[in-house]
Amino acid sequence: MWHVLFPRIDTTRGDIPILLLRTVAGAAFLIHGWKKIQDPVGWIGPGSSIPGVLQALAALSEFGGGGAWILGLLTPLVSAGILSTMSVALWMHISVWGDPFVGSPSSYELPLLYAIIAILLLRMGPGRFSIDAILSRQLTPKKEDEQLV
């Protein structure tokens, strides 16, 4: 019973949940980013105080970042970009628009959740079921290679 309440830490058990989190959040970002990538410098609308170049970066981080999360490609870089985008979104929802945590038509629940996912992936990495893990295994020198140096 004790091990059910306090399981041993096994880093390999987290690989499948991280894969699921990456793919579901990545798919959501692809969907959210698709409309934005269609008009990358004007998706917020006319009269926005956000410059077009920052709108384009947000569109790229959501659409491109979603695809990269699904693949587990460049996860730290992509997660940092998504975290930056979600930080601005949080600031807009809370400070500019005064939205509640949960509610309709607008709230800051989703940007906060996505920011936390980005922080988790920055901290935990993409897991072993990712392109990053494959590249890491191929690019990391083997022990016998280290002895030759």
Protein backbone atom coordinates (compact mmCIF):
# COMPACT_ATOMS: atom_id res chain seq x y z
CA MET A 1 0.00 0.00 0.00
CA TRP A 2 2.85 2.36 0.84
CA HIS A 3 4.25 2.20 -2.71
CA VAL A 4 0.86 3.20 -4.15
CA LEU A 5 0.85 6.42 -2.12
CA PHE A 6 4.57 7.11 -2.48
CA PRO A 7 5.89 5.42 -5.63
CA ARG A 8 9.59 5.18 -6.34
CA ILE A 9 10.80 7.83 -8.71
CA ASP A 10 11.30 6.27 -12.11
CA THR A 11 12.08 8.75 -14.84
CA THR A 12 11.16 6.30 -17.62
CA ARG A 13 7.55 6.11 -16.42
CA GLY A 14 7.10 9.76 -17.33
CA ASP A 15 7.96 9.31 -21.00
CA ILE A 16 4.49 8.25 -22.15
CA PRO A 17 2.62 10.94 -20.16
CA ILE A 18 5.04 13.57 -21.50
CA LEU A 19 4.47 12.25 -25.03
CA LEU A 20 0.69 12.51 -24.54
CA LEU A 21 0.99 16.01 -23.07
CA ARG A 22 3.28 17.15 -25.89
CA THR A 23 1.06 15.78 -28.65
CA VAL A 24 -2.27 17.02 -27.27
CA ALA A 25 -0.93 20.49 -26.38
CA GLY A 26 0.94 20.61 -29.69
CA ALA A 27 -2.21 19.75 -31.64
CA ALA A 28 -4.12 22.45 -29.76
CA PHE A 29 -1.41 24.98 -30.63
CA LEU A 30 -1.53 23.95 -34.30
CA ILE A 31 -5.27 24.64 -34.29
CA HIS A 32 -4.93 27.94 -32.38
CA GLY A 33 -2.00 29.03 -34.53
CA TRP A 34 -3.56 28.10 -37.88
CA LYS A 35 -5.84 31.17 -38.01
CA LYS A 36 -3.04 33.39 -36.81
CA ILE A 37 -0.53 32.11 -39.36
CA GLN A 38 -3.03 33.02 -42.14
CA ASP A 39 -2.63 36.72 -41.24
CA PRO A 40 0.54 36.78 -39.14
CA VAL A 41 0.91 40.56 -38.81
CA GLY A 42 -2.76 41.45 -38.35
CA TRP A 43 -4.55 38.61 -36.58
CA ILE A 44 -5.32 40.70 -33.49
CA GLY A 45 -7.21 43.19 -35.63
CA PRO A 46 -7.02 46.84 -36.57
CA GLY A 47 -6.03 49.31 -33.89
CA SER A 48 -4.01 46.79 -31.91
CA SER A 49 -1.18 48.14 -29.78
CA ILE A 50 0.85 44.96 -30.46
CA PRO A 51 3.29 45.53 -33.35
CA GLY A 52 2.93 43.31 -36.41
CA VAL A 53 6.34 41.69 -35.92
CA LEU A 54 5.34 40.53 -32.41
CA GLN A 55 2.03 39.23 -33.76
CA ALA A 56 3.99 37.26 -36.37
CA LEU A 57 6.31 35.83 -33.69
CA ALA A 58 3.28 34.76 -31.64
CA ALA A 59 1.68 33.13 -34.70
CA LEU A 60 4.93 31.33 -35.51
CA SER A 61 5.46 30.19 -31.92
CA GLU A 62 1.93 28.78 -31.73
CA PHE A 63 1.74 27.11 -35.14
CA GLY A 64 5.38 26.10 -35.54
CA GLY A 65 5.76 25.38 -31.84
CA GLY A 66 2.72 23.13 -31.87
CA GLY A 67 4.18 21.03 -34.66
CA ALA A 68 7.57 20.92 -32.96
CA TRP A 69 6.01 19.84 -29.64
CA ILE A 70 4.21 16.99 -31.40
CA LEU A 71 7.51 15.79 -32.87
CA GLY A 72 9.56 16.57 -29.78
CA LEU A 73 11.88 18.73 -31.89
CA LEU A 74 13.92 21.59 -30.41
CA THR A 75 11.74 21.31 -27.32
CA PRO A 76 13.65 23.73 -25.03
CA LEU A 77 13.74 26.48 -27.68
CA VAL A 78 10.12 25.95 -28.69
CA SER A 79 8.96 25.82 -25.05
CA ALA A 80 10.74 29.10 -24.32
CA GLY A 81 9.00 30.71 -27.31
CA ILE A 82 5.60 29.40 -26.27
CA LEU A 83 6.22 30.49 -22.67
CA SER A 84 7.03 34.00 -23.91
CA THR A 85 3.88 34.10 -26.04
CA MET A 86 1.71 32.82 -23.20
CA SER A 87 3.26 35.34 -20.79
CA VAL A 88 2.17 38.17 -23.09
CA ALA A 89 -1.26 36.55 -23.46
CA LEU A 90 -1.57 36.33 -19.66
CA TRP A 91 -0.58 39.97 -19.29
CA MET A 92 -3.17 40.99 -21.91
CA HIS A 93 -5.96 38.93 -20.30
CA ILE A 94 -5.23 40.05 -16.74
CA SER A 95 -3.90 43.61 -16.98
CA VAL A 96 -5.35 44.97 -20.21
CA TRP A 97 -8.71 43.24 -20.55
CA GLY A 98 -9.32 42.43 -16.87
CA ASP A 99 -10.54 38.92 -17.65
CA PRO A 100 -11.35 36.45 -14.86
CA PHE A 101 -9.46 33.20 -14.33
CA VAL A 102 -12.41 31.17 -15.66
CA GLY A 103 -15.40 32.54 -17.48
CA SER A 104 -16.79 33.53 -20.76
CA PRO A 105 -16.34 34.87 -23.31
CA SER A 106 -12.70 35.29 -22.33
CA SER A 107 -10.47 34.16 -19.46
CA TYR A 108 -6.81 33.58 -18.69
CA GLU A 109 -7.21 29.92 -17.74
CA LEU A 110 -5.88 28.55 -21.06
CA PRO A 111 -2.80 30.79 -21.43
CA LEU A 112 -1.86 29.95 -17.83
CA LEU A 113 -2.25 26.23 -18.46
CA TYR A 114 -0.16 26.42 -21.64
CA ALA A 115 2.52 28.44 -19.83
CA ILE A 116 2.70 25.75 -17.14
CA ILE A 117 3.01 23.04 -19.82
CA ALA A 118 5.86 25.01 -21.41
CA ILE A 119 7.60 25.30 -18.02
CA LEU A 120 7.15 21.56 -17.45
CA LEU A 121 8.65 20.70 -20.84
CA LEU A 122 11.52 23.13 -20.24
CA ARG A 123 12.23 21.40 -16.94
CA MET A 124 11.49 17.75 -17.81
CA GLY A 125 12.49 17.70 -21.47
CA PRO A 126 10.57 16.01 -24.28
CA GLY A 127 11.05 12.44 -23.04
CA ARG A 128 12.65 9.55 -24.87
CA PHE A 129 9.88 9.33 -27.49
CA SER A 130 11.01 12.44 -29.33
CA ILE A 131 13.27 13.56 -32.13
CA ASP A 132 15.34 15.45 -29.54
CA ALA A 133 16.06 12.16 -27.73
CA ILE A 134 17.05 10.44 -30.97
CA LEU A 135 19.39 13.29 -31.90
CA SER A 136 20.83 13.36 -28.39
CA ARG A 137 21.63 9.63 -28.54
CA GLN A 138 23.29 10.02 -31.94
CA LEU A 139 25.26 13.17 -31.11
CA THR A 140 26.42 12.23 -27.60
CA PRO A 141 29.93 10.77 -27.68
CA LYS A 142 30.25 7.20 -26.46
CA LYS A 143 32.56 6.43 -23.53
CA GLU A 144 35.26 4.93 -25.72
CA ASP A 145 35.18 8.11 -27.87
CA GLU A 146 35.69 10.26 -24.75
CA GLN A 147 38.80 8.28 -23.78
CA LEU A 148 40.40 9.01 -27.15
CA VAL A 149 40.16 12.77 -26.65
